[in-house]
N, C-alpha and C. Protein backbone atom coordinates (compact mmCIF):
# COMPACT_ATOMS: atom_id res chain seq x y z
N MET A 1 313.03 58.78 140.35
CA MET A 1 313.50 60.15 141.03
C MET A 1 314.44 60.90 140.29
N ALA A 2 314.33 62.09 140.21
CA ALA A 2 314.51 63.41 139.60
C ALA A 2 316.27 63.80 140.07
N THR A 3 317.17 64.14 139.30
CA THR A 3 318.89 64.39 139.75
C THR A 3 318.53 65.18 140.84
N GLY A 4 319.50 64.75 141.91
CA GLY A 4 319.33 65.77 143.16
C GLY A 4 319.85 66.78 143.02
N LYS A 5 319.74 68.04 143.61
CA LYS A 5 320.07 69.30 143.23
C LYS A 5 320.70 69.76 144.52
N ILE A 6 321.54 71.20 144.29
CA ILE A 6 322.93 71.31 145.26
C ILE A 6 322.24 72.75 145.63
N SER A 7 322.38 72.97 147.12
CA SER A 7 322.17 74.52 147.50
C SER A 7 322.97 74.84 148.52
N PRO A 8 324.08 75.59 147.90
CA PRO A 8 325.44 75.61 148.49
C PRO A 8 325.08 76.73 149.64
N SER A 9 325.29 76.50 151.04
CA SER A 9 325.41 77.45 152.30
C SER A 9 326.32 78.67 152.25
N LEU A 10 325.75 79.94 151.79
CA LEU A 10 326.34 80.96 151.76
C LEU A 10 327.33 81.63 153.09
N MET A 11 326.76 81.10 154.54
CA MET A 11 327.34 81.47 155.54
C MET A 11 328.87 80.95 155.57
N CYS A 12 328.83 79.77 154.72
CA CYS A 12 330.25 79.07 154.98
C CYS A 12 331.27 79.98 153.55
N ALA A 13 330.56 80.88 152.82
CA ALA A 13 331.39 81.46 151.42
C ALA A 13 332.40 82.69 152.52
N ASP A 14 333.62 82.38 151.60
CA ASP A 14 334.33 83.78 152.02
C ASP A 14 333.90 85.23 151.08
N VAL A 15 333.56 86.00 152.03
CA VAL A 15 332.60 87.12 151.24
C VAL A 15 333.63 87.64 150.32
N PHE A 16 335.17 87.79 150.53
CA PHE A 16 335.74 88.65 150.00
C PHE A 16 336.20 87.84 148.45
N PHE A 17 335.65 86.48 148.07
CA PHE A 17 335.42 85.91 147.01
C PHE A 17 334.09 85.79 146.45
N LEU A 18 333.41 86.45 146.74
CA LEU A 18 331.67 86.18 146.53
C LEU A 18 331.65 86.22 144.92
N ASP A 19 331.77 86.92 144.60
CA ASP A 19 331.92 87.40 142.85
C ASP A 19 332.08 85.85 142.41
N GLU A 20 333.29 85.71 142.53
CA GLU A 20 334.07 84.66 141.82
C GLU A 20 333.12 83.14 142.19
N THR A 21 332.93 83.00 143.29
CA THR A 21 332.32 81.98 144.16
C THR A 21 330.84 81.94 143.59
N LEU A 22 329.94 82.95 143.15
CA LEU A 22 328.90 83.18 142.15
C LEU A 22 329.13 82.84 140.75
N ARG A 23 330.24 83.01 140.24
CA ARG A 23 330.23 82.91 138.74
C ARG A 23 330.32 81.08 138.81
N ILE A 24 331.16 80.84 139.76
CA ILE A 24 331.80 79.11 139.59
C ILE A 24 330.26 78.45 139.69
N PHE A 25 329.50 78.85 140.55
CA PHE A 25 327.98 78.13 141.24
C PHE A 25 327.19 78.30 139.60
N GLU A 26 327.23 79.60 139.12
CA GLU A 26 326.60 79.55 137.54
C GLU A 26 327.04 78.92 136.82
N GLU A 27 328.41 78.69 136.50
CA GLU A 27 329.09 77.89 135.36
C GLU A 27 328.80 76.17 135.60
N ASN A 28 328.54 75.91 137.09
CA ASN A 28 328.47 74.65 137.15
C ASN A 28 326.97 74.39 137.44
N GLY A 29 325.46 75.19 136.81
CA GLY A 29 324.58 74.79 137.11
C GLY A 29 324.04 74.41 138.41
N VAL A 30 324.51 75.21 139.48
CA VAL A 30 323.94 75.15 140.86
C VAL A 30 322.41 75.75 140.85
N GLU A 31 321.57 74.78 141.63
CA GLU A 31 320.00 75.22 141.46
C GLU A 31 319.68 76.27 142.44
N TYR A 32 320.07 76.43 143.68
CA TYR A 32 319.73 77.41 144.43
C TYR A 32 320.82 77.70 145.34
N LEU A 33 320.67 78.96 146.23
CA LEU A 33 321.81 79.36 147.10
C LEU A 33 321.10 79.33 148.34
N HIS A 34 321.63 78.65 149.54
CA HIS A 34 321.00 78.74 150.62
C HIS A 34 321.14 79.54 151.71
N ILE A 35 320.54 80.39 152.03
CA ILE A 35 320.77 81.41 152.88
C ILE A 35 320.27 81.37 154.52
N ASP A 36 321.13 81.14 155.47
CA ASP A 36 320.66 80.81 156.64
C ASP A 36 320.41 82.27 157.51
N ILE A 37 319.24 82.44 157.85
CA ILE A 37 319.05 83.75 158.87
C ILE A 37 318.45 83.33 160.06
N MET A 38 319.32 83.40 161.11
CA MET A 38 319.36 83.30 162.27
C MET A 38 319.15 84.64 163.10
N ASP A 39 318.49 84.33 164.32
CA ASP A 39 318.18 85.59 164.79
C ASP A 39 318.36 85.60 166.41
N GLY A 40 319.56 84.59 166.88
CA GLY A 40 319.82 84.74 168.26
C GLY A 40 318.86 84.20 169.16
N SER A 41 317.38 84.12 169.17
CA SER A 41 316.81 83.59 169.90
C SER A 41 316.35 82.03 169.51
N PHE A 42 315.76 81.82 168.46
CA PHE A 42 315.69 80.61 167.76
C PHE A 42 316.73 79.42 167.87
N VAL A 43 317.56 80.13 167.75
CA VAL A 43 319.22 79.47 167.65
C VAL A 43 320.23 80.31 168.37
N PRO A 44 320.83 79.66 168.25
CA PRO A 44 321.91 80.60 169.22
C PRO A 44 322.91 81.35 168.40
N ASN A 45 322.54 81.93 167.39
CA ASN A 45 323.88 82.41 166.90
C ASN A 45 322.94 83.51 165.65
N PHE A 46 323.68 84.55 165.33
CA PHE A 46 323.30 85.37 164.06
C PHE A 46 324.17 85.32 162.90
N THR A 47 323.49 85.20 161.91
CA THR A 47 324.18 84.89 160.66
C THR A 47 323.46 86.20 159.56
N LEU A 48 323.23 85.94 158.06
CA LEU A 48 323.07 86.70 157.47
C LEU A 48 321.91 87.27 157.38
N GLY A 49 321.54 88.54 156.65
CA GLY A 49 320.42 89.16 156.95
C GLY A 49 319.40 89.75 155.88
N THR A 50 318.60 90.84 155.59
CA THR A 50 317.92 91.29 154.66
C THR A 50 318.54 92.18 153.64
N GLU A 51 319.76 92.72 153.89
CA GLU A 51 320.38 93.44 152.94
C GLU A 51 321.60 92.37 152.52
N TYR A 52 322.17 91.28 153.06
CA TYR A 52 322.46 90.60 152.18
C TYR A 52 321.97 89.80 150.95
N CYS A 53 320.68 89.39 151.33
CA CYS A 53 319.88 89.23 150.08
C CYS A 53 319.52 90.21 149.18
N ARG A 54 319.16 91.08 149.63
CA ARG A 54 318.83 92.07 148.42
C ARG A 54 320.04 92.29 147.58
N GLN A 55 321.27 92.24 147.95
CA GLN A 55 322.37 92.81 147.30
C GLN A 55 322.81 91.32 146.19
N LEU A 56 322.70 90.13 147.20
CA LEU A 56 322.95 88.80 146.31
C LEU A 56 321.94 88.51 144.91
N ARG A 57 320.67 88.92 145.24
CA ARG A 57 319.86 89.23 143.93
C ARG A 57 320.15 89.84 142.77
N SER A 58 321.29 90.82 143.21
CA SER A 58 321.47 91.86 141.84
C SER A 58 322.62 91.19 141.63
N HIS A 59 323.49 90.23 142.01
CA HIS A 59 324.34 89.70 141.35
C HIS A 59 324.42 88.28 140.65
N THR A 60 323.41 87.79 140.73
CA THR A 60 322.73 86.49 140.31
C THR A 60 321.86 85.93 140.13
N HIS A 61 321.31 85.64 138.97
CA HIS A 61 320.17 85.01 138.64
C HIS A 61 319.52 83.43 139.22
N ILE A 62 320.30 82.92 140.04
CA ILE A 62 320.06 81.73 140.78
C ILE A 62 319.48 82.12 141.91
N PRO A 63 318.16 81.39 142.02
CA PRO A 63 317.12 81.71 143.36
C PRO A 63 317.57 81.26 144.34
N LEU A 64 317.15 81.85 145.64
CA LEU A 64 317.62 81.81 146.93
C LEU A 64 316.43 80.91 147.40
N ASP A 65 317.36 79.93 148.36
CA ASP A 65 316.81 79.11 149.33
C ASP A 65 316.99 79.50 150.64
N ILE A 66 315.91 80.33 151.12
CA ILE A 66 315.85 80.94 152.56
C ILE A 66 315.59 80.39 153.80
N HIS A 67 316.43 79.98 154.58
CA HIS A 67 316.13 79.20 155.68
C HIS A 67 315.98 80.22 156.81
N LEU A 68 314.47 80.04 157.38
CA LEU A 68 314.17 81.27 158.33
C LEU A 68 314.20 80.45 159.60
N MET A 69 315.34 80.39 160.09
CA MET A 69 315.56 79.89 161.80
C MET A 69 315.38 81.26 162.82
N VAL A 70 313.99 81.71 162.73
CA VAL A 70 313.67 82.63 163.68
C VAL A 70 312.41 82.36 164.15
N GLU A 71 312.61 83.26 165.70
CA GLU A 71 310.98 83.15 166.10
C GLU A 71 309.95 83.81 165.16
N ASP A 72 308.49 83.19 165.27
CA ASP A 72 307.51 83.89 164.83
C ASP A 72 307.80 84.07 163.13
N PRO A 73 308.13 83.28 162.12
CA PRO A 73 308.72 83.87 160.80
C PRO A 73 307.67 84.43 159.84
N GLU A 74 306.20 84.09 160.52
CA GLU A 74 305.11 84.75 159.98
C GLU A 74 305.36 86.45 159.71
N THR A 75 305.85 86.96 161.00
CA THR A 75 305.75 88.18 161.11
C THR A 75 306.90 89.06 160.49
N LYS A 76 307.95 88.06 159.69
CA LYS A 76 309.09 88.70 159.17
C LYS A 76 309.16 88.39 157.74
N LEU A 77 308.25 87.65 156.83
CA LEU A 77 307.84 87.39 155.90
C LEU A 77 308.50 88.79 154.77
N ASN A 78 307.76 89.69 155.13
CA ASN A 78 307.67 91.24 154.50
C ASN A 78 309.05 91.67 154.28
N TRP A 79 310.12 91.08 155.51
CA TRP A 79 311.56 91.60 155.38
C TRP A 79 312.42 91.19 153.87
N PHE A 80 311.78 90.27 153.48
CA PHE A 80 312.17 89.60 152.32
C PHE A 80 311.95 89.63 151.13
N ASN A 81 312.47 90.28 149.86
CA ASN A 81 311.74 90.42 148.57
C ASN A 81 311.46 89.36 147.94
N ILE A 82 310.59 88.53 148.47
CA ILE A 82 310.53 86.89 148.00
C ILE A 82 310.30 86.85 146.79
N GLN A 83 310.77 86.04 145.66
CA GLN A 83 310.40 85.80 144.47
C GLN A 83 310.18 84.50 144.02
N PRO A 84 309.56 84.61 142.75
CA PRO A 84 308.67 83.31 142.58
C PRO A 84 309.85 82.36 142.07
N GLY A 85 309.98 81.47 142.29
CA GLY A 85 310.63 80.37 142.49
C GLY A 85 311.75 80.40 143.50
N ASP A 86 311.48 81.07 144.53
CA ASP A 86 312.55 81.31 145.79
C ASP A 86 312.30 79.85 146.77
N ILE A 87 312.66 79.25 147.51
CA ILE A 87 312.70 78.24 148.30
C ILE A 87 312.45 79.09 149.70
N ILE A 88 311.19 79.08 150.42
CA ILE A 88 311.09 79.73 151.87
C ILE A 88 311.31 78.45 152.80
N SER A 89 311.94 78.50 153.87
CA SER A 89 311.76 77.16 155.00
C SER A 89 311.30 78.03 156.32
N VAL A 90 310.30 77.65 156.98
CA VAL A 90 309.88 78.02 158.05
C VAL A 90 309.73 77.04 159.03
N HIS A 91 310.22 77.00 160.31
CA HIS A 91 310.34 76.13 161.19
C HIS A 91 308.99 75.69 161.96
N TRP A 92 308.86 74.23 162.03
CA TRP A 92 307.33 73.67 162.66
C TRP A 92 307.70 74.45 164.14
N GLU A 93 308.80 74.41 164.86
CA GLU A 93 309.15 74.41 166.12
C GLU A 93 308.96 76.16 166.27
N ALA A 94 308.84 77.13 165.51
CA ALA A 94 308.93 78.31 165.62
C ALA A 94 307.77 79.37 165.27
N SER A 95 306.91 78.46 164.35
CA SER A 95 305.87 79.21 163.72
C SER A 95 304.67 78.76 164.55
N ARG A 96 303.55 80.07 165.07
CA ARG A 96 302.44 79.84 165.31
C ARG A 96 301.24 79.60 164.50
N HIS A 97 301.66 80.03 163.69
CA HIS A 97 300.58 79.85 162.43
C HIS A 97 300.96 79.14 160.97
N LEU A 98 301.40 78.15 161.41
CA LEU A 98 302.08 77.66 160.41
C LEU A 98 301.32 77.31 158.92
N GLN A 99 299.94 77.15 159.10
CA GLN A 99 299.35 76.37 157.75
C GLN A 99 299.26 78.30 156.89
N ARG A 100 299.04 79.08 157.80
CA ARG A 100 298.62 80.68 157.14
C ARG A 100 299.94 81.32 156.55
N THR A 101 301.13 80.82 157.20
CA THR A 101 302.51 81.35 156.52
C THR A 101 303.12 80.41 155.26
N LEU A 102 302.53 79.29 155.48
CA LEU A 102 302.68 78.45 154.18
C LEU A 102 301.77 78.92 153.06
N ALA A 103 300.60 79.47 153.36
CA ALA A 103 299.96 79.85 152.10
C ALA A 103 300.34 80.94 151.84
N GLU A 104 300.72 81.94 152.78
CA GLU A 104 300.93 83.15 152.35
C GLU A 104 302.38 83.14 151.60
N LEU A 105 303.29 82.18 151.87
CA LEU A 105 304.40 81.88 150.74
C LEU A 105 303.97 81.70 149.45
N ARG A 106 302.92 80.30 149.44
CA ARG A 106 302.83 80.24 148.21
C ARG A 106 301.90 81.27 147.11
N SER A 107 301.49 82.42 147.78
CA SER A 107 300.97 83.43 147.14
C SER A 107 301.56 83.90 146.32
N ARG A 108 302.80 84.29 146.89
CA ARG A 108 303.72 85.18 146.63
C ARG A 108 304.60 84.41 145.57
N GLY A 109 304.22 83.29 144.84
CA GLY A 109 305.22 82.19 144.28
C GLY A 109 306.11 81.71 144.46
N ALA A 110 306.52 81.72 146.03
CA ALA A 110 307.26 80.96 146.45
C ALA A 110 307.23 79.36 146.60
N LYS A 111 308.49 78.64 146.82
CA LYS A 111 308.13 77.05 147.05
C LYS A 111 308.21 76.99 148.84
N ALA A 112 307.03 76.58 149.32
CA ALA A 112 306.90 76.68 150.70
C ALA A 112 307.43 75.24 151.19
N PHE A 113 308.36 75.28 152.08
CA PHE A 113 309.06 74.19 153.11
C PHE A 113 309.12 74.55 154.44
N VAL A 114 308.91 73.35 154.90
CA VAL A 114 308.73 73.37 156.63
C VAL A 114 310.08 72.60 157.05
N ALA A 115 310.98 73.51 157.96
CA ALA A 115 312.08 73.04 158.39
C ALA A 115 311.51 72.08 160.00
N ILE A 116 311.94 71.20 159.81
CA ILE A 116 311.88 70.28 161.11
C ILE A 116 313.53 70.09 161.90
N ASN A 117 313.70 70.26 163.32
CA ASN A 117 314.48 69.94 163.88
C ASN A 117 314.98 68.51 164.24
N PRO A 118 316.34 67.87 164.21
CA PRO A 118 316.57 66.39 164.27
C PRO A 118 315.78 65.60 165.18
N ALA A 119 314.98 66.34 166.32
CA ALA A 119 314.13 65.43 167.08
C ALA A 119 312.83 65.57 166.97
N THR A 120 312.33 66.40 165.75
CA THR A 120 310.94 66.49 165.43
C THR A 120 310.47 65.42 164.64
N PRO A 121 309.45 64.79 164.73
CA PRO A 121 308.89 63.79 163.62
C PRO A 121 308.21 64.41 162.67
N SER A 122 308.52 64.06 161.29
CA SER A 122 308.17 64.72 160.05
C SER A 122 306.67 64.26 160.29
N GLU A 123 306.13 63.57 160.81
CA GLU A 123 304.49 63.28 160.91
C GLU A 123 303.90 64.20 161.14
N TYR A 124 304.67 64.99 162.20
CA TYR A 124 303.75 66.22 162.83
C TYR A 124 303.06 67.22 161.56
N LEU A 125 303.81 67.15 160.49
CA LEU A 125 303.47 67.48 159.18
C LEU A 125 302.28 67.15 158.66
N ILE A 126 301.75 66.41 159.03
CA ILE A 126 300.24 65.49 158.23
C ILE A 126 299.64 66.02 157.98
N ASP A 127 299.07 67.28 158.73
CA ASP A 127 298.06 68.43 158.60
C ASP A 127 297.92 69.52 157.55
N VAL A 128 299.70 69.91 157.05
CA VAL A 128 299.89 70.49 156.29
C VAL A 128 300.27 70.34 154.96
N LEU A 129 300.07 69.00 154.77
CA LEU A 129 300.99 68.25 153.72
C LEU A 129 300.35 68.83 152.28
N ASP A 130 299.06 69.33 152.32
CA ASP A 130 298.50 70.09 151.26
C ASP A 130 299.05 71.38 150.64
N ASP A 131 299.73 72.22 152.05
CA ASP A 131 300.48 72.99 151.93
C ASP A 131 301.57 73.58 151.70
N ILE A 132 302.42 72.36 151.60
CA ILE A 132 304.03 72.28 151.44
C ILE A 132 304.52 71.71 150.01
N ASP A 133 305.64 72.53 149.70
CA ASP A 133 306.30 72.16 148.61
C ASP A 133 307.79 70.91 148.77
N GLY A 134 307.84 71.18 150.28
CA GLY A 134 308.99 70.39 150.35
C GLY A 134 309.24 70.34 151.97
N ILE A 135 310.31 69.68 152.75
CA ILE A 135 310.51 69.26 153.96
C ILE A 135 312.00 69.57 154.27
N LEU A 136 312.45 70.50 155.02
CA LEU A 136 314.04 70.83 155.30
C LEU A 136 314.03 69.89 156.35
N ILE A 137 314.71 68.64 156.25
CA ILE A 137 315.13 67.73 157.37
C ILE A 137 316.51 68.58 157.88
N MET A 138 316.67 68.57 159.20
CA MET A 138 317.88 69.15 159.56
C MET A 138 318.30 67.84 160.36
N SER A 139 319.93 67.74 159.87
CA SER A 139 320.81 66.53 160.31
C SER A 139 321.52 66.69 161.20
N VAL A 140 321.55 68.22 161.92
CA VAL A 140 322.36 68.74 162.95
C VAL A 140 321.20 69.70 163.56
N ASN A 141 321.98 69.92 164.57
CA ASN A 141 320.77 70.85 165.46
C ASN A 141 320.96 72.09 164.81
N PRO A 142 320.25 73.10 164.72
CA PRO A 142 320.74 74.12 163.85
C PRO A 142 321.23 75.41 164.66
N GLY A 143 322.15 76.27 164.32
CA GLY A 143 322.90 77.35 164.77
C GLY A 143 324.21 77.44 164.44
N PHE A 144 325.02 76.08 163.81
CA PHE A 144 326.18 76.36 163.70
C PHE A 144 326.83 75.47 162.31
N ALA A 145 327.58 75.95 161.61
CA ALA A 145 328.21 75.27 160.66
C ALA A 145 329.40 74.11 161.16
N GLY A 146 329.58 72.90 160.55
CA GLY A 146 330.51 72.20 161.14
C GLY A 146 330.48 71.26 161.96
N GLN A 147 329.23 71.24 162.33
CA GLN A 147 328.99 69.98 163.16
C GLN A 147 328.85 68.57 162.86
N LYS A 148 328.82 67.38 163.50
CA LYS A 148 328.65 66.24 162.79
C LYS A 148 327.46 65.62 163.00
N LEU A 149 327.26 64.59 162.05
CA LEU A 149 325.75 64.33 161.16
C LEU A 149 325.37 63.45 162.64
N ILE A 150 323.92 63.85 162.97
CA ILE A 150 323.26 63.16 163.39
C ILE A 150 323.03 61.58 162.86
N PRO A 151 323.53 60.58 163.43
CA PRO A 151 323.11 59.42 162.60
C PRO A 151 321.76 58.91 162.12
N SER A 152 320.76 59.14 163.19
CA SER A 152 319.71 58.81 163.31
C SER A 152 318.72 59.53 161.95
N VAL A 153 319.35 60.53 161.61
CA VAL A 153 318.44 61.35 160.46
C VAL A 153 318.39 60.94 159.60
N LEU A 154 319.17 59.67 158.93
CA LEU A 154 319.82 58.92 157.84
C LEU A 154 318.41 57.91 157.62
N SER A 155 317.96 57.32 158.67
CA SER A 155 316.60 56.56 159.00
C SER A 155 315.35 57.23 158.83
N LYS A 156 315.70 58.58 159.44
CA LYS A 156 314.53 59.64 159.28
C LYS A 156 314.09 59.88 158.15
N ILE A 157 315.12 60.23 157.33
CA ILE A 157 315.19 61.02 155.52
C ILE A 157 314.01 59.22 154.91
N GLN A 158 314.71 58.11 155.36
CA GLN A 158 314.09 57.09 154.23
C GLN A 158 312.63 56.81 154.97
N ARG A 159 312.48 57.38 156.06
CA ARG A 159 310.90 56.84 156.81
C ARG A 159 310.00 58.00 156.33
N THR A 160 310.53 59.15 156.24
CA THR A 160 309.75 60.46 155.73
C THR A 160 309.45 60.17 154.30
N ARG A 161 310.43 59.59 153.46
CA ARG A 161 310.06 59.41 151.73
C ARG A 161 309.16 58.11 151.61
N LYS A 162 308.83 57.42 152.34
CA LYS A 162 307.92 56.08 152.54
C LYS A 162 306.61 56.74 152.74
N TRP A 163 306.82 57.36 153.66
CA TRP A 163 305.45 57.79 154.42
C TRP A 163 304.84 59.39 153.36
N LEU A 164 305.57 59.87 152.95
CA LEU A 164 305.08 60.69 151.79
C LEU A 164 304.53 60.06 150.73
N SER A 165 305.40 59.09 150.31
CA SER A 165 304.76 58.36 149.20
C SER A 165 303.36 57.42 149.36
N ASP A 166 303.49 56.67 150.49
CA ASP A 166 302.47 56.05 150.93
C ASP A 166 301.11 56.86 151.35
N SER A 167 301.18 58.14 151.58
CA SER A 167 300.19 59.16 151.86
C SER A 167 299.73 59.79 150.40
N GLY A 168 300.59 59.49 149.49
CA GLY A 168 299.98 60.10 148.19
C GLY A 168 300.74 61.31 148.15
N TYR A 169 301.67 61.82 148.79
CA TYR A 169 302.45 62.87 148.59
C TYR A 169 303.80 62.58 148.10
N GLY A 170 304.33 61.97 147.42
CA GLY A 170 305.53 61.90 146.74
C GLY A 170 306.13 62.64 146.05
N HIS A 171 305.58 63.71 145.62
CA HIS A 171 305.73 64.85 144.92
C HIS A 171 306.73 65.94 145.90
N VAL A 172 306.14 65.88 147.04
CA VAL A 172 307.01 66.57 148.16
C VAL A 172 308.28 66.47 148.20
N LEU A 173 309.18 67.51 148.00
CA LEU A 173 310.50 67.23 147.84
C LEU A 173 311.32 67.22 149.72
N ILE A 174 312.57 66.48 149.52
CA ILE A 174 313.20 66.49 150.90
C ILE A 174 314.40 67.24 150.61
N GLU A 175 314.48 68.02 151.61
CA GLU A 175 316.12 68.67 151.50
C GLU A 175 316.72 68.44 152.84
N VAL A 176 317.96 68.27 152.78
CA VAL A 176 318.69 67.63 154.11
C VAL A 176 319.78 68.87 154.31
N ASP A 177 320.13 69.74 155.60
CA ASP A 177 321.02 70.30 156.00
C ASP A 177 321.66 70.20 157.24
N GLY A 178 323.01 69.98 157.17
CA GLY A 178 323.57 69.47 157.89
C GLY A 178 324.88 68.50 157.70
N ASN A 179 326.51 68.87 157.81
CA ASN A 179 327.13 67.67 157.53
C ASN A 179 326.82 66.87 155.99
N VAL A 180 326.67 67.64 154.93
CA VAL A 180 326.47 67.03 153.72
C VAL A 180 327.78 66.74 153.26
N SER A 181 328.54 66.00 153.66
CA SER A 181 329.71 65.81 153.07
C SER A 181 329.35 65.00 151.86
N ILE A 182 330.51 64.47 150.67
CA ILE A 182 330.28 63.50 149.72
C ILE A 182 329.41 62.13 150.39
N GLU A 183 330.29 61.44 151.20
CA GLU A 183 330.15 60.44 152.13
C GLU A 183 328.48 60.35 152.11
N ASN A 184 328.06 61.48 153.18
CA ASN A 184 326.62 61.35 153.96
C ASN A 184 325.69 61.91 153.09
N ALA A 185 326.41 62.78 151.58
CA ALA A 185 325.14 63.19 150.61
C ALA A 185 324.80 61.73 149.81
N ARG A 186 325.65 60.77 149.48
CA ARG A 186 325.41 59.54 148.76
C ARG A 186 324.55 58.88 149.59
N LYS A 187 324.61 58.81 150.99
CA LYS A 187 323.96 57.98 151.56
C LYS A 187 322.36 58.71 151.68
N MET A 188 322.46 59.77 152.33
CA MET A 188 320.94 60.80 152.15
C MET A 188 320.36 60.78 150.83
N ARG A 189 321.22 60.74 149.47
CA ARG A 189 320.32 60.59 147.91
C ARG A 189 319.76 59.20 148.11
N ALA A 190 320.35 58.29 148.58
CA ALA A 190 319.50 56.88 148.70
C ALA A 190 318.52 56.59 149.31
N ALA A 191 318.46 57.57 150.52
CA ALA A 191 317.56 57.41 151.79
C ALA A 191 316.48 57.93 151.03
N GLY A 192 316.40 58.87 149.98
CA GLY A 192 315.38 60.23 149.43
C GLY A 192 315.27 61.17 149.40
N ALA A 193 316.42 61.45 149.70
CA ALA A 193 316.69 62.88 150.03
C ALA A 193 317.07 63.82 148.26
N ASP A 194 316.27 64.95 148.44
CA ASP A 194 316.17 65.68 146.79
C ASP A 194 317.23 66.73 146.52
N ILE A 195 317.55 67.65 147.76
CA ILE A 195 318.08 68.98 147.72
C ILE A 195 318.87 68.78 148.89
N PHE A 196 320.22 69.24 148.67
CA PHE A 196 321.36 69.09 149.63
C PHE A 196 321.75 70.24 149.75
N VAL A 197 321.84 70.93 151.17
CA VAL A 197 322.51 71.88 151.37
C VAL A 197 324.20 71.78 151.50
N ALA A 198 325.40 72.48 150.93
CA ALA A 198 326.53 71.68 150.84
C ALA A 198 327.12 73.18 151.77
N GLY A 199 328.03 72.81 152.55
CA GLY A 199 329.00 73.56 153.02
C GLY A 199 330.29 73.10 153.47
N THR A 200 330.53 73.21 154.64
CA THR A 200 332.23 72.79 154.94
C THR A 200 332.39 71.83 154.87
N ALA A 201 331.89 70.62 154.91
CA ALA A 201 331.99 69.01 155.04
C ALA A 201 331.95 68.74 153.36
N SER A 202 331.60 69.85 152.37
CA SER A 202 331.66 69.01 150.95
C SER A 202 332.55 70.01 149.96
N ILE A 203 331.43 71.30 149.77
CA ILE A 203 332.29 71.99 148.61
C ILE A 203 333.12 73.20 149.06
N PHE A 204 332.81 73.87 150.28
CA PHE A 204 333.70 74.80 150.77
C PHE A 204 334.92 74.48 151.57
N LYS A 205 336.42 74.84 151.58
CA LYS A 205 337.34 74.85 152.36
C LYS A 205 337.83 76.22 152.40
N ASP A 206 337.97 76.71 153.49
CA ASP A 206 338.20 78.10 154.18
C ASP A 206 337.85 79.18 153.36
N GLY A 207 336.25 78.73 152.99
CA GLY A 207 335.70 79.85 152.24
C GLY A 207 335.49 79.73 150.47
N ILE A 208 336.16 78.78 150.23
CA ILE A 208 336.77 78.87 149.00
C ILE A 208 335.91 77.52 148.30
N VAL A 209 335.56 78.05 147.23
CA VAL A 209 334.60 76.67 146.39
C VAL A 209 335.21 75.96 144.90
N THR A 210 335.36 75.25 144.84
CA THR A 210 335.96 74.91 143.40
C THR A 210 335.05 73.99 142.68
N ALA A 211 335.25 74.00 141.51
CA ALA A 211 334.19 73.38 140.59
C ALA A 211 334.28 71.97 140.62
N GLU A 212 335.97 71.27 140.98
CA GLU A 212 336.01 69.97 141.03
C GLU A 212 335.16 69.32 142.39
N ARG A 213 334.85 70.27 143.39
CA ARG A 213 334.26 69.73 144.76
C ARG A 213 332.81 69.77 144.20
N LEU A 214 332.23 70.82 143.46
CA LEU A 214 331.16 70.78 143.11
C LEU A 214 330.64 69.26 142.21
N GLN A 215 331.19 69.10 141.40
CA GLN A 215 331.40 67.99 140.57
C GLN A 215 331.22 66.69 141.53
N ALA A 216 332.20 66.64 142.32
CA ALA A 216 332.15 65.41 143.25
C ALA A 216 330.75 65.32 143.96
N LEU A 217 330.45 66.57 144.63
CA LEU A 217 328.71 66.36 145.00
C LEU A 217 327.74 66.04 143.80
N ARG A 218 327.80 66.46 142.79
CA ARG A 218 326.88 66.45 142.13
C ARG A 218 327.08 64.59 141.37
N GLU A 219 327.95 64.45 141.50
CA GLU A 219 328.08 62.58 141.32
C GLU A 219 327.39 61.79 142.28
N ALA A 220 328.02 62.49 143.54
CA ALA A 220 326.89 61.65 144.59
C ALA A 220 325.83 61.58 144.57
N ILE A 221 325.12 62.53 144.19
CA ILE A 221 323.71 62.87 144.31
C ILE A 221 322.73 62.70 143.00
N LYS A 222 323.45 62.13 142.03
CA LYS A 222 322.85 61.71 140.77
C LYS A 222 321.94 60.86 140.59
């Protein structure tokens, strides 16, 4: 299994220190920047938007990991300047034409991920396994930072990894999002997770990130 990758959640970052935060990420080899897009409908919150993504690209070379927590994401892809190498996650629960959306993402050079809520079985994705590069498993109910881990998600990660491997899709990545503390990240890694969305439970405190916290998380997911 390849080394785990870090995708810091920028909704947890202090915007007044964003330049310094991005510099620390680049110096420490952070692989992705997790951008939560919430529409106030699919989830009861509003967060980062299209202009934020556009400006972010002009300040860093790190690929974006855009998590679309929105209704009908297939109608909103053109709102984002999707770049080759970006991860774009759309929710199984929110997309009316999931396979078409995934194909469109891949045609743009993006890595197509399907996000699933804690109560959604991974096996629901059986008919789009040929169309995905990864599964984003929510370990909390989406919408807000700072929530507690739903304990059953750890066995869900393990079951999903086994199902993918047994089905001939061992290359499909598993990303986890929600209360990814250092302790939980270690357990998630052991269960088979590959990419870790890091927020207030691990690398951010009062919106500030440090190299020491990043290295502690890196050690937990190696």
